[in-house]
N, C-alpha and C. Protein backbone atom coordinates (compact mmCIF):
# COMPACT_ATOMS: atom_id res chain seq x y z
N UNK A 1 239.90 -9.60 -50.87
CA UNK A 1 241.19 -9.15 -51.74
C UNK A 1 242.10 -7.92 -51.66
N UNK A 2 241.44 -6.93 -51.66
CA UNK A 2 241.75 -5.72 -51.55
C UNK A 2 242.72 -5.48 -50.22
N UNK A 3 242.30 -6.16 -49.12
CA UNK A 3 243.12 -6.01 -48.12
C UNK A 3 244.43 -6.80 -48.00
N UNK A 4 244.38 -8.00 -48.63
CA UNK A 4 245.26 -8.70 -48.99
C UNK A 4 246.56 -7.94 -49.63
N UNK A 5 246.06 -7.31 -50.69
CA UNK A 5 246.84 -6.74 -51.56
C UNK A 5 247.55 -5.43 -50.90
N UNK A 6 246.74 -4.69 -50.05
CA UNK A 6 247.44 -3.57 -49.49
C UNK A 6 248.03 -4.16 -48.29
N UNK A 7 248.28 -5.21 -47.73
CA UNK A 7 249.04 -6.00 -46.63
C UNK A 7 250.27 -6.29 -47.54
N UNK A 8 250.18 -7.02 -48.45
CA UNK A 8 251.43 -7.35 -49.31
C UNK A 8 252.37 -6.12 -49.43
N UNK A 9 251.31 -5.06 -50.07
CA UNK A 9 252.24 -4.06 -50.58
C UNK A 9 253.16 -3.30 -49.59
N UNK A 10 252.19 -3.22 -48.30
CA UNK A 10 252.97 -2.64 -47.11
C UNK A 10 254.34 -3.72 -46.80
N UNK A 11 254.18 -4.63 -46.44
CA UNK A 11 255.26 -5.92 -46.31
C UNK A 11 256.17 -5.60 -47.24
N UNK A 12 255.93 -5.36 -48.45
CA UNK A 12 257.09 -5.24 -49.57
C UNK A 12 258.00 -3.86 -49.30
N UNK A 13 257.08 -2.79 -49.09
CA UNK A 13 257.52 -1.43 -49.00
C UNK A 13 258.43 -1.53 -47.64
N UNK A 14 257.90 -2.21 -46.50
CA UNK A 14 258.72 -2.30 -45.19
C UNK A 14 259.79 -3.24 -45.40
N UNK A 15 260.01 -4.33 -46.38
CA UNK A 15 261.27 -5.01 -46.59
C UNK A 15 261.98 -4.13 -47.34
N UNK A 16 261.71 -3.32 -48.43
CA UNK A 16 262.51 -2.72 -48.84
C UNK A 16 263.37 -1.47 -48.13
N UNK A 17 262.64 -0.95 -47.20
CA UNK A 17 263.48 0.00 -46.37
C UNK A 17 264.25 -0.55 -45.37
N UNK A 18 264.10 -1.86 -45.02
CA UNK A 18 265.24 -2.67 -44.10
C UNK A 18 266.18 -3.26 -44.91
N UNK A 19 266.38 -2.85 -46.35
CA UNK A 19 267.45 -3.39 -47.03
C UNK A 19 268.66 -3.10 -46.42
N UNK A 20 269.81 -3.78 -46.53
CA UNK A 20 271.24 -3.51 -45.94
C UNK A 20 271.89 -2.13 -46.79
N UNK A 21 271.27 -2.31 -47.97
CA UNK A 21 272.05 -1.35 -48.66
C UNK A 21 271.42 0.13 -48.75
N UNK A 22 270.24 0.49 -48.03
CA UNK A 22 269.70 1.71 -47.76
C UNK A 22 269.96 2.27 -46.68
N UNK A 23 270.11 3.34 -46.69
CA UNK A 23 270.14 4.17 -45.51
C UNK A 23 269.34 4.11 -44.35
N UNK A 24 269.53 3.82 -43.11
CA UNK A 24 268.49 3.71 -42.19
C UNK A 24 269.03 4.22 -40.86
N UNK A 25 268.38 4.20 -39.67
CA UNK A 25 268.95 4.66 -38.28
C UNK A 25 270.03 3.74 -38.08
N UNK A 26 270.50 2.71 -38.42
CA UNK A 26 271.31 2.06 -38.02
C UNK A 26 272.78 1.55 -39.08
N UNK A 27 272.26 2.04 -40.41
CA UNK A 27 273.07 1.62 -41.33
C UNK A 27 273.26 3.06 -42.30
N UNK A 28 274.42 3.32 -42.43
CA UNK A 28 274.74 4.54 -43.38
C UNK A 28 275.35 3.96 -44.55
N UNK A 29 275.16 4.35 -45.79
CA UNK A 29 275.33 3.84 -46.99
C UNK A 29 276.04 5.18 -47.94
N UNK A 30 277.49 5.32 -48.25
CA UNK A 30 277.82 6.10 -48.98
C UNK A 30 278.49 5.66 -50.18
N UNK A 31 277.63 6.09 -51.49
CA UNK A 31 278.22 5.74 -52.78
C UNK A 31 279.41 6.36 -52.89
N UNK A 32 280.23 5.13 -53.57
CA UNK A 32 281.74 5.59 -53.87
C UNK A 32 281.97 5.53 -55.51
N UNK A 33 281.46 4.85 -56.06
CA UNK A 33 281.66 4.73 -57.33
C UNK A 33 280.73 3.64 -58.15
N UNK A 34 279.94 4.29 -59.23
CA UNK A 34 279.33 3.47 -60.30
C UNK A 34 279.46 3.87 -61.43
N UNK A 35 280.04 2.97 -62.30
CA UNK A 35 280.61 3.01 -63.64
C UNK A 35 280.54 1.84 -64.54
N UNK A 36 280.51 2.14 -65.78
CA UNK A 36 280.72 0.92 -66.83
C UNK A 36 281.93 1.17 -67.68
N UNK A 37 282.66 2.26 -67.46
CA UNK A 37 283.60 2.36 -68.11
C UNK A 37 285.07 2.64 -67.11
N UNK A 38 286.35 2.35 -67.49
CA UNK A 38 287.57 2.71 -66.97
C UNK A 38 287.75 4.30 -67.08
N UNK A 39 288.64 4.79 -66.19
CA UNK A 39 288.92 6.33 -66.31
C UNK A 39 289.33 6.77 -67.74
N UNK A 40 289.81 5.89 -68.50
CA UNK A 40 289.67 6.59 -69.65
C UNK A 40 288.49 6.45 -70.66
N UNK A 41 287.48 5.90 -70.11
CA UNK A 41 286.25 5.85 -71.13
C UNK A 41 285.92 4.64 -71.64
N UNK A 42 286.87 3.54 -71.73
CA UNK A 42 286.48 2.43 -72.47
C UNK A 42 285.73 1.63 -71.56
N UNK A 43 284.80 1.06 -72.04
CA UNK A 43 283.89 -0.09 -71.53
C UNK A 43 284.58 -0.97 -70.64
N UNK A 44 284.05 -1.41 -69.61
CA UNK A 44 284.56 -2.55 -68.43
C UNK A 44 284.05 -3.46 -69.20
N UNK A 45 285.05 -4.77 -69.30
CA UNK A 45 284.28 -6.08 -69.92
C UNK A 45 285.07 -6.88 -68.85
N UNK A 46 284.11 -7.70 -68.18
CA UNK A 46 284.86 -8.75 -67.42
C UNK A 46 285.17 -10.08 -68.17
N UNK A 47 286.25 -10.76 -67.92
CA UNK A 47 286.89 -12.01 -68.74
C UNK A 47 285.87 -12.95 -68.33
N UNK A 48 285.95 -14.07 -69.41
CA UNK A 48 285.31 -15.27 -69.13
C UNK A 48 285.79 -16.11 -68.33
N UNK A 49 285.29 -17.43 -67.63
CA UNK A 49 285.88 -18.34 -66.85
C UNK A 49 285.35 -18.15 -65.56
N UNK A 50 286.01 -18.97 -64.45
CA UNK A 50 285.22 -19.18 -63.20
C UNK A 50 286.06 -17.74 -62.33
N UNK A 51 284.94 -17.01 -61.98
CA UNK A 51 285.24 -15.77 -61.48
C UNK A 51 286.37 -16.06 -60.39
N UNK A 52 286.97 -14.87 -60.08
CA UNK A 52 287.67 -14.60 -58.61
C UNK A 52 288.07 -13.04 -58.75
N UNK A 53 287.68 -12.58 -57.17
CA UNK A 53 288.04 -11.64 -56.79
C UNK A 53 289.16 -11.36 -55.88
N UNK A 54 290.10 -10.49 -56.08
CA UNK A 54 291.37 -10.26 -55.41
C UNK A 54 291.01 -9.00 -54.64
N UNK A 55 291.24 -8.90 -53.49
CA UNK A 55 291.42 -7.52 -52.64
C UNK A 55 292.85 -7.03 -52.18
N UNK A 56 293.21 -6.15 -52.55
CA UNK A 56 294.55 -5.73 -51.84
C UNK A 56 294.65 -4.64 -51.48
N UNK A 57 295.51 -4.47 -50.25
CA UNK A 57 296.18 -2.98 -49.96
C UNK A 57 297.42 -2.95 -50.55
N UNK A 58 297.51 -1.75 -51.56
CA UNK A 58 298.70 -1.51 -52.17
C UNK A 58 299.40 -0.04 -51.53
N UNK A 59 300.73 -0.11 -51.19
CA UNK A 59 301.27 0.91 -50.49
C UNK A 59 302.24 1.28 -51.45
N UNK A 60 302.40 2.68 -51.82
CA UNK A 60 303.61 3.30 -52.78
C UNK A 60 304.31 4.24 -51.64
N UNK A 61 305.50 3.90 -51.60
CA UNK A 61 306.48 5.02 -50.62
C UNK A 61 306.10 6.50 -51.31
N UNK A 62 306.22 7.32 -50.39
CA UNK A 62 306.61 8.50 -50.90
C UNK A 62 307.66 9.12 -51.85
N UNK A 63 307.13 9.46 -52.87
CA UNK A 63 308.08 9.79 -54.23
C UNK A 63 308.09 8.36 -55.03
N UNK A 64 307.66 7.32 -54.43
CA UNK A 64 307.77 6.18 -55.40
C UNK A 64 306.84 5.94 -56.59
N UNK A 65 307.01 5.02 -57.16
CA UNK A 65 306.51 4.74 -58.44
C UNK A 65 305.93 3.17 -58.54
N UNK A 66 304.69 2.75 -59.26
CA UNK A 66 304.69 1.67 -59.43
C UNK A 66 305.32 0.89 -60.42
N UNK A 67 305.85 1.56 -61.65
CA UNK A 67 306.39 1.16 -62.61
C UNK A 67 305.52 1.15 -63.71
N UNK A 68 306.01 1.06 -64.93
CA UNK A 68 304.77 0.97 -66.14
C UNK A 68 304.26 -0.42 -65.90
N UNK A 69 302.90 -0.48 -66.40
CA UNK A 69 302.36 -1.93 -66.12
C UNK A 69 301.11 -1.80 -66.75
N UNK A 70 300.49 -2.96 -66.79
CA UNK A 70 299.03 -3.00 -67.35
C UNK A 70 297.94 -4.20 -66.62
N UNK A 71 296.69 -3.89 -66.82
CA UNK A 71 296.13 -4.82 -65.98
C UNK A 71 295.23 -5.82 -66.90
N UNK A 72 294.95 -7.00 -66.79
CA UNK A 72 294.51 -7.83 -67.75
C UNK A 72 293.05 -7.98 -67.38
N UNK A 73 292.62 -7.41 -66.15
CA UNK A 73 291.07 -7.50 -65.68
C UNK A 73 290.88 -6.11 -65.29
N UNK A 74 289.55 -5.96 -65.14
CA UNK A 74 288.94 -4.60 -64.57
C UNK A 74 289.27 -4.71 -63.12
N UNK A 75 289.84 -3.35 -62.65
CA UNK A 75 290.20 -3.01 -61.19
C UNK A 75 289.76 -2.10 -60.79
N UNK A 76 289.57 -1.71 -59.53
CA UNK A 76 288.94 -0.87 -58.74
C UNK A 76 289.89 -0.29 -57.76
N UNK A 77 290.30 0.93 -57.55
CA UNK A 77 291.07 1.71 -56.38
C UNK A 77 290.23 2.60 -55.60
N UNK A 78 290.56 2.68 -54.33
CA UNK A 78 289.98 3.65 -53.25
C UNK A 78 291.37 4.02 -52.89
N UNK A 79 291.28 5.54 -52.77
CA UNK A 79 292.86 5.98 -52.04
C UNK A 79 292.31 6.20 -50.91
N UNK A 80 293.11 5.49 -49.89
CA UNK A 80 292.81 5.72 -48.34
C UNK A 80 293.85 6.76 -47.73
N UNK A 81 295.15 6.92 -48.42
CA UNK A 81 295.84 7.92 -47.97
C UNK A 81 296.84 8.36 -48.97
N UNK A 82 297.13 9.74 -48.88
CA UNK A 82 298.11 10.46 -49.78
C UNK A 82 297.65 10.90 -50.94
N UNK A 83 298.51 11.41 -52.13
CA UNK A 83 298.06 11.72 -53.20
C UNK A 83 298.64 11.06 -54.59
N UNK A 84 298.11 10.55 -55.25
CA UNK A 84 298.51 9.57 -56.30
C UNK A 84 298.31 10.36 -57.95
N UNK A 85 299.10 10.34 -58.46
CA UNK A 85 299.29 10.63 -59.88
C UNK A 85 299.35 9.24 -60.95
N UNK A 86 298.17 9.10 -61.64
CA UNK A 86 298.22 8.07 -62.46
C UNK A 86 298.64 8.60 -63.77
N UNK A 87 299.41 8.08 -64.71
CA UNK A 87 299.61 8.38 -66.14
C UNK A 87 299.64 7.45 -66.90
N UNK A 88 299.16 7.54 -68.28
CA UNK A 88 298.96 6.33 -69.08
C UNK A 88 300.17 6.68 -70.10
N UNK A 89 300.29 5.94 -70.85
CA UNK A 89 301.61 6.00 -71.78
C UNK A 89 301.25 6.80 -73.05
N UNK A 90 300.00 7.14 -73.21
CA UNK A 90 299.91 8.24 -73.94
C UNK A 90 300.00 9.72 -73.49
N UNK A 91 300.33 9.90 -72.24
CA UNK A 91 300.50 11.31 -71.38
C UNK A 91 299.23 11.50 -70.63
N UNK A 92 297.92 11.15 -70.71
CA UNK A 92 296.87 11.06 -70.35
C UNK A 92 297.06 10.95 -68.61
N UNK A 93 296.62 11.96 -67.78
CA UNK A 93 296.82 11.87 -66.27
C UNK A 93 295.55 12.24 -65.63
N UNK A 94 295.59 11.31 -64.34
CA UNK A 94 294.65 11.59 -63.38
C UNK A 94 295.49 11.99 -62.03
N UNK A 95 294.81 12.66 -61.06
CA UNK A 95 295.37 12.92 -59.81
C UNK A 95 294.33 12.87 -58.94
N UNK A 96 294.63 11.75 -57.81
CA UNK A 96 293.67 11.12 -56.92
C UNK A 96 294.12 11.82 -55.55
N UNK A 97 293.04 11.98 -54.82
CA UNK A 97 293.82 12.15 -53.31
C UNK A 97 292.79 11.30 -52.28
N UNK A 98 293.21 11.23 -51.10
CA UNK A 98 292.39 10.38 -50.14
C UNK A 98 291.02 10.57 -50.15
N UNK A 99 289.79 9.23 -50.64
CA UNK A 99 288.79 9.42 -50.66
C UNK A 99 288.17 9.28 -52.07
N UNK A 100 289.11 9.39 -53.01
CA UNK A 100 288.99 9.07 -54.38
C UNK A 100 288.97 7.79 -54.99
N UNK A 101 287.89 7.39 -55.70
CA UNK A 101 288.02 6.08 -56.18
C UNK A 101 288.56 6.25 -57.97
N UNK A 102 288.89 5.31 -58.50
CA UNK A 102 289.45 5.09 -59.73
C UNK A 102 289.17 3.90 -60.20
N UNK A 103 288.30 3.57 -61.56
CA UNK A 103 288.15 2.83 -62.03
C UNK A 103 289.43 2.44 -63.14
N UNK A 104 290.34 1.57 -62.50
CA UNK A 104 291.57 1.34 -63.58
C UNK A 104 291.28 0.75 -65.07
N UNK A 105 292.49 1.26 -65.83
CA UNK A 105 292.35 1.21 -67.21
C UNK A 105 292.77 -0.37 -67.46
N UNK A 106 292.27 -1.10 -68.44
CA UNK A 106 292.52 -2.55 -68.77
C UNK A 106 293.17 -2.68 -70.01
N UNK A 107 294.35 -3.27 -70.02
CA UNK A 107 295.28 -3.56 -71.14
C UNK A 107 295.79 -1.99 -71.77
N UNK A 108 296.07 -1.40 -70.91
CA UNK A 108 296.59 0.06 -71.08
C UNK A 108 297.84 0.51 -70.35
N UNK A 109 299.15 0.68 -70.77
CA UNK A 109 300.03 0.92 -70.18
C UNK A 109 299.91 2.42 -69.35
N UNK A 110 300.15 2.31 -67.79
CA UNK A 110 299.97 3.05 -66.94
C UNK A 110 301.17 3.19 -65.85
N UNK A 111 301.34 4.27 -65.34
CA UNK A 111 302.28 4.29 -64.34
C UNK A 111 301.75 5.07 -62.91
N UNK A 112 301.90 4.55 -61.37
CA UNK A 112 301.35 5.32 -60.58
C UNK A 112 302.41 6.01 -59.71
N UNK A 113 302.25 7.15 -59.29
CA UNK A 113 303.39 7.76 -58.68
C UNK A 113 302.74 8.68 -57.36
N UNK A 114 303.54 8.47 -56.13
CA UNK A 114 303.14 8.93 -54.88
C UNK A 114 303.64 10.55 -55.15
N UNK A 115 303.05 11.72 -55.00
CA UNK A 115 303.26 12.69 -54.97
C UNK A 115 303.37 13.50 -53.30
N UNK A 116 304.20 14.17 -53.46
CA UNK A 116 304.37 14.86 -52.13
C UNK A 116 305.41 13.91 -50.92
N UNK A 117 305.31 14.39 -49.82
CA UNK A 117 306.36 13.50 -48.86
C UNK A 117 305.40 12.46 -48.09
N UNK A 118 304.61 12.21 -48.40
CA UNK A 118 303.75 10.91 -47.96
C UNK A 118 303.35 10.02 -48.81
N UNK A 119 303.46 8.64 -48.15
CA UNK A 119 303.14 7.42 -49.16
C UNK A 119 301.69 7.40 -49.45
N UNK A 120 301.29 6.79 -50.50
CA UNK A 120 299.99 6.42 -51.06
C UNK A 120 299.53 4.97 -50.38
N UNK A 121 298.33 4.91 -49.98
CA UNK A 121 297.87 3.80 -49.76
C UNK A 121 296.51 3.41 -50.23
N UNK A 122 296.39 2.36 -51.03
CA UNK A 122 295.18 2.17 -51.72
C UNK A 122 294.46 0.93 -51.53
N UNK A 123 293.03 0.66 -51.56
CA UNK A 123 292.41 -0.36 -51.34
C UNK A 123 292.23 -0.89 -52.94
N UNK A 124 292.63 -1.98 -53.39
CA UNK A 124 292.45 -2.24 -54.94
C UNK A 124 291.44 -3.69 -54.84
N UNK A 125 290.55 -3.67 -55.77
CA UNK A 125 289.99 -4.71 -55.98
C UNK A 125 289.86 -5.09 -57.42
N UNK A 126 290.31 -6.50 -57.70
CA UNK A 126 290.27 -7.05 -59.03
C UNK A 126 289.38 -7.94 -59.28
N UNK A 127 288.87 -7.86 -60.53
CA UNK A 127 287.56 -8.69 -60.74
C UNK A 127 288.05 -9.60 -62.06
N UNK A 128 288.80 -10.76 -61.63
CA UNK A 128 289.34 -11.73 -62.76
C UNK A 128 288.83 -12.81 -62.69
N UNK A 129 289.57 -13.91 -63.19
CA UNK A 129 289.44 -15.28 -63.13
C UNK A 129 290.33 -16.19 -62.59
N UNK A 130 290.13 -17.26 -62.10
CA UNK A 130 290.89 -18.26 -61.48
C UNK A 130 292.21 -18.53 -62.29
N UNK A 131 293.52 -18.33 -61.85
CA UNK A 131 294.60 -18.07 -62.42
C UNK A 131 295.10 -17.31 -63.53
N UNK A 132 294.42 -16.33 -63.64
CA UNK A 132 294.71 -15.06 -64.63
C UNK A 132 295.58 -14.12 -63.82
N UNK A 133 296.60 -13.77 -64.35
CA UNK A 133 297.37 -12.73 -64.09
C UNK A 133 296.50 -11.63 -63.68
N UNK A 134 297.03 -10.52 -62.66
CA UNK A 134 296.14 -9.23 -62.36
C UNK A 134 297.04 -8.02 -63.20
N UNK A 135 298.35 -8.30 -63.41
CA UNK A 135 298.95 -7.22 -63.78
C UNK A 135 300.30 -7.60 -64.26
N UNK A 136 300.64 -7.07 -65.53
CA UNK A 136 301.91 -7.36 -66.19
C UNK A 136 302.68 -6.03 -66.28
N UNK A 137 304.20 -6.31 -65.80
CA UNK A 137 305.03 -5.09 -65.69
C UNK A 137 305.66 -4.81 -67.06
N UNK A 138 305.93 -3.66 -67.33
CA UNK A 138 306.42 -3.34 -68.56
C UNK A 138 307.68 -2.36 -68.24
N UNK A 139 308.79 -2.91 -67.62
CA UNK A 139 309.96 -2.00 -67.44
C UNK A 139 310.71 -1.59 -68.79
N UNK A 140 310.42 -1.97 -69.76
CA UNK A 140 311.05 -1.57 -71.06
C UNK A 140 310.51 -0.56 -71.33
N UNK A 141 309.17 0.06 -71.15
CA UNK A 141 308.53 0.95 -71.67
C UNK A 141 308.93 2.45 -71.33
N UNK A 142 309.57 3.28 -72.13
CA UNK A 142 309.70 4.89 -71.96
C UNK A 142 308.70 5.61 -72.88
N UNK A 143 307.90 6.50 -71.86
CA UNK A 143 306.95 7.24 -72.39
C UNK A 143 307.60 8.43 -73.12
N UNK A 144 307.14 8.83 -74.41
CA UNK A 144 307.36 9.59 -75.47
C UNK A 144 307.77 11.05 -74.46
N UNK A 145 308.56 11.96 -74.60
CA UNK A 145 308.93 13.30 -73.77
C UNK A 145 308.17 14.32 -74.77
């Protein structure tokens, strides 16, 4: 019995080291983000309904802006290229560079702006539900000075 237990423990330990999410000789894993809150500290809450994940590459021209908008679902951005300034309607700002991640704010007005003379390229993952809009534009919003 003890031999069977030892064999099972050895197999389980080996199976764990062979996991695709662990570093090994043939797999390198680089954690980018693990969070339960958006960048403004609010808890992430997934919408109810049939899940739908949307992955996009978003490009913002040098000096360009996204315009004031809000997201109805949790989304996560990875900066591939450029420098991005994200500003909330209340004035809170984050500065991101290539290689940075951002757990986006939900139901909070914000604007993204490409700084410098290079465009910004983002990989963005939205975690919503089928037929749910991801973004709502708010061109009428003017931040307080």
